Amino acid sequence: MDARYVGWNLSTKFNSGDARITGVEFNIRHSLRQLGGWGRYFTVFANATKLNLKGNPYASFSSFIPKTANWGVSFNWRRVSVMTKWNYRGLNKLTPLPALGPDGFLYLKARTTLDMNVGYQLSQRMSLVASANNVFNVVPLTQLRYGSETPPYARRSTTSEYGVAFAVGLKGSF
């Protein structure tokens, strides 16, 4: 072996043949109007997806997330609208890491965040809107690096906190 290449990893993409994705998805939205006068302002919703990927495990399916879900409640009264939504993203398998063994990969750990949107209708065509993502800033983005031989205490690679993302603006339709 040429000494110039000692300590280097070679990563490449290849055509891995056939792949198949199967799964199930569900979505539900329901008004709370049946609970009385106050219920007419509220709607609850939930959706989820569970996917199974079959094919060569080393194929480039980076950022394939087999489990996702969203659920929440919305409130609409006259000119005001408020939506609170929880967002779950399952384990995100990213790129292979051959240095960690034949089944070593880089992952993003599963996480659940809370997002909120608020709107106020200024006129028939114009609204003032605001949103906040990861409202309580309680869920850091955790990067994991492991294979079957990696002990659990050595899997975490990086933990990043991005804070709460705010946006405010005008929304118009013309």
Protein backbone atom coordinates (compact mmCIF):
# COMPACT_ATOMS: atom_id res chain seq x y z
CA MET A 1 0.00 0.00 0.00
CA ASP A 2 1.22 3.48 -0.84
CA ALA A 3 2.05 5.39 2.41
CA ARG A 4 0.43 8.57 1.02
CA TYR A 5 -3.01 6.95 1.49
CA VAL A 6 -2.66 5.55 5.02
CA GLY A 7 -5.43 6.93 7.29
CA TRP A 8 -7.69 7.99 4.40
CA ASN A 9 -11.22 6.68 3.73
CA LEU A 10 -12.56 6.26 0.21
CA SER A 11 -16.29 6.87 -0.25
CA THR A 12 -18.05 6.39 -3.55
CA LYS A 13 -21.59 5.96 -4.92
CA PHE A 14 -22.63 3.02 -7.04
CA ASN A 15 -25.68 1.65 -8.81
CA SER A 16 -27.02 -0.87 -6.32
CA GLY A 17 -29.83 -2.40 -8.36
CA ASP A 18 -33.47 -2.50 -7.38
CA ALA A 19 -34.95 -0.85 -4.33
CA ARG A 20 -38.48 -0.88 -2.97
CA ILE A 21 -40.23 1.36 -0.47
CA THR A 22 -43.41 0.12 1.18
CA GLY A 23 -45.30 1.58 4.07
CA VAL A 24 -48.39 3.09 5.53
CA GLU A 25 -49.60 6.64 5.96
CA PHE A 26 -52.59 8.10 7.76
CA ASN A 27 -54.10 11.56 8.08
CA ILE A 28 -57.03 12.76 10.19
CA ARG A 29 -58.55 16.20 10.75
CA HIS A 30 -61.61 16.74 12.91
CA SER A 31 -63.58 19.75 14.11
CA LEU A 32 -64.54 19.92 17.79
CA ARG A 33 -67.87 21.56 16.90
CA GLN A 34 -69.79 18.63 18.47
CA LEU A 35 -68.46 19.62 21.93
CA GLY A 36 -70.58 22.76 22.05
CA GLY A 37 -70.34 26.42 21.06
CA TRP A 38 -66.69 26.84 22.03
CA GLY A 39 -65.70 23.74 20.01
CA ARG A 40 -66.59 25.33 16.66
CA TYR A 41 -63.37 27.36 16.84
CA PHE A 42 -61.08 24.32 17.23
CA THR A 43 -59.83 21.61 14.88
CA VAL A 44 -57.50 18.76 15.86
CA PHE A 45 -55.30 16.92 13.38
CA ALA A 46 -52.72 14.15 13.17
CA ASN A 47 -50.77 12.39 10.44
CA ALA A 48 -48.06 9.78 10.45
CA THR A 49 -45.92 7.84 7.97
CA LYS A 50 -44.05 4.55 8.48
CA LEU A 51 -41.88 3.40 5.56
CA ASN A 52 -39.76 0.29 4.95
CA LEU A 53 -36.85 0.42 2.52
CA LYS A 54 -35.70 -2.81 0.90
CA GLY A 55 -32.57 -2.90 -1.22
CA ASN A 56 -28.82 -2.81 -0.92
CA PRO A 57 -28.05 -1.31 2.53
CA TYR A 58 -25.10 0.66 1.10
CA ALA A 59 -27.09 2.36 -1.64
CA SER A 60 -27.30 6.14 -1.44
CA PHE A 61 -30.61 6.70 0.35
CA SER A 62 -29.22 9.53 2.43
CA SER A 63 -31.74 11.35 4.58
CA PHE A 64 -34.27 8.53 4.38
CA ILE A 65 -36.51 8.95 7.43
CA PRO A 66 -38.72 5.87 7.95
CA LYS A 67 -40.93 7.33 10.73
CA THR A 68 -42.53 10.80 10.81
CA ALA A 69 -45.59 12.25 12.53
CA ASN A 70 -47.32 15.59 13.10
CA TRP A 71 -50.20 16.38 15.42
CA GLY A 72 -51.77 19.48 16.85
CA VAL A 73 -54.69 21.82 17.20
CA SER A 74 -55.82 24.94 15.35
CA PHE A 75 -58.03 27.77 16.60
CA ASN A 76 -59.91 30.14 14.26
CA TRP A 77 -62.08 32.96 15.56
CA ARG A 78 -63.09 35.94 13.48
CA ARG A 79 -59.80 37.47 12.27
CA VAL A 80 -57.48 35.43 14.53
CA SER A 81 -55.94 32.04 13.78
CA VAL A 82 -53.52 30.07 15.96
CA MET A 83 -52.00 26.67 15.17
CA THR A 84 -49.88 24.59 17.53
CA LYS A 85 -48.14 21.61 15.92
CA TRP A 86 -45.80 18.94 17.24
CA ASN A 87 -43.42 17.49 14.66
CA TYR A 88 -41.68 14.11 15.08
CA ARG A 89 -38.83 13.03 12.80
CA GLY A 90 -37.51 9.53 13.39
CA LEU A 91 -33.91 8.36 13.16
CA ASN A 92 -32.40 9.83 9.99
CA LYS A 93 -29.80 7.56 8.34
CA LEU A 94 -27.35 9.71 6.42
CA THR A 95 -24.03 8.54 4.93
CA PRO A 96 -21.92 5.38 5.32
CA LEU A 97 -18.83 5.58 7.54
CA PRO A 98 -16.57 2.66 6.57
CA ALA A 99 -14.09 3.55 9.33
CA LEU A 100 -16.73 2.35 11.85
CA GLY A 101 -17.08 -1.05 10.21
CA PRO A 102 -19.07 -2.41 7.29
CA ASP A 103 -22.38 -1.23 8.80
CA GLY A 104 -21.18 2.14 10.14
CA PHE A 105 -23.31 5.18 9.30
CA LEU A 106 -23.84 8.80 10.26
CA TYR A 107 -27.33 9.47 11.70
CA LEU A 108 -29.44 12.31 13.08
CA LYS A 109 -31.17 11.23 16.28
CA ALA A 110 -34.99 11.19 16.38
CA ARG A 111 -36.55 14.36 17.77
CA THR A 112 -39.87 16.05 18.46
CA THR A 113 -40.33 19.82 18.22
CA LEU A 114 -43.21 22.21 18.85
CA ASP A 115 -44.04 24.85 16.23
CA MET A 116 -46.62 27.66 16.49
CA ASN A 117 -48.22 29.91 13.89
CA VAL A 118 -50.37 32.98 14.57
CA GLY A 119 -52.28 35.08 12.05
CA TYR A 120 -54.41 38.20 12.17
CA GLN A 121 -56.47 39.14 9.10
CA LEU A 122 -56.03 42.85 8.45
CA SER A 123 -58.33 42.89 5.41
CA GLN A 124 -59.92 40.44 2.99
CA ARG A 125 -56.60 40.10 1.11
CA MET A 126 -53.94 40.89 3.74
CA SER A 127 -52.89 39.18 6.97
CA LEU A 128 -50.18 39.72 9.57
CA VAL A 129 -48.49 36.37 10.32
CA ALA A 130 -45.90 35.11 12.81
CA SER A 131 -44.34 31.72 13.44
CA ALA A 132 -41.96 30.14 15.92
CA ASN A 133 -40.23 26.79 15.34
CA ASN A 134 -38.89 24.65 18.20
CA VAL A 135 -40.76 26.94 20.58
CA PHE A 136 -39.24 25.72 23.85
CA ASN A 137 -35.76 25.05 22.41
CA VAL A 138 -35.67 21.78 24.32
CA VAL A 139 -34.60 19.44 21.53
CA PRO A 140 -31.01 19.70 20.33
CA LEU A 141 -29.99 18.26 16.98
CA THR A 142 -27.85 15.23 17.86
CA GLN A 143 -25.55 13.61 15.32
CA LEU A 144 -24.69 9.93 15.89
CA ARG A 145 -21.89 7.88 14.32
CA TYR A 146 -22.00 4.13 14.81
CA GLY A 147 -21.99 0.57 13.54
CA SER A 148 -22.95 -2.69 15.22
CA GLU A 149 -19.62 -2.83 17.07
CA THR A 150 -19.85 0.71 18.49
CA PRO A 151 -20.74 0.72 22.22
CA PRO A 152 -23.74 2.91 23.15
CA TYR A 153 -21.63 5.42 25.12
CA ALA A 154 -19.50 6.18 22.03
CA ARG A 155 -22.30 6.80 19.50
CA ARG A 156 -22.96 10.51 20.03
CA SER A 157 -20.77 12.64 17.80
CA THR A 158 -22.15 16.19 17.90
CA THR A 159 -24.96 18.01 19.68
CA SER A 160 -26.07 21.35 18.25
CA GLU A 161 -28.60 23.83 19.55
CA TYR A 162 -30.05 26.27 17.06
CA GLY A 163 -32.49 28.04 19.34
CA VAL A 164 -35.98 29.13 18.41
CA ALA A 165 -36.57 30.33 14.84
CA PHE A 166 -38.98 33.30 14.59
CA ALA A 167 -40.57 34.80 11.50
CA VAL A 168 -42.98 37.72 11.16
CA GLY A 169 -44.48 39.03 7.96
CA LEU A 170 -47.38 40.10 5.82
CA LYS A 171 -49.30 37.60 3.73
CA GLY A 172 -51.34 38.83 0.80
CA SER A 173 -53.35 37.40 -2.05
CA PHE A 174 -53.84 39.43 -5.19
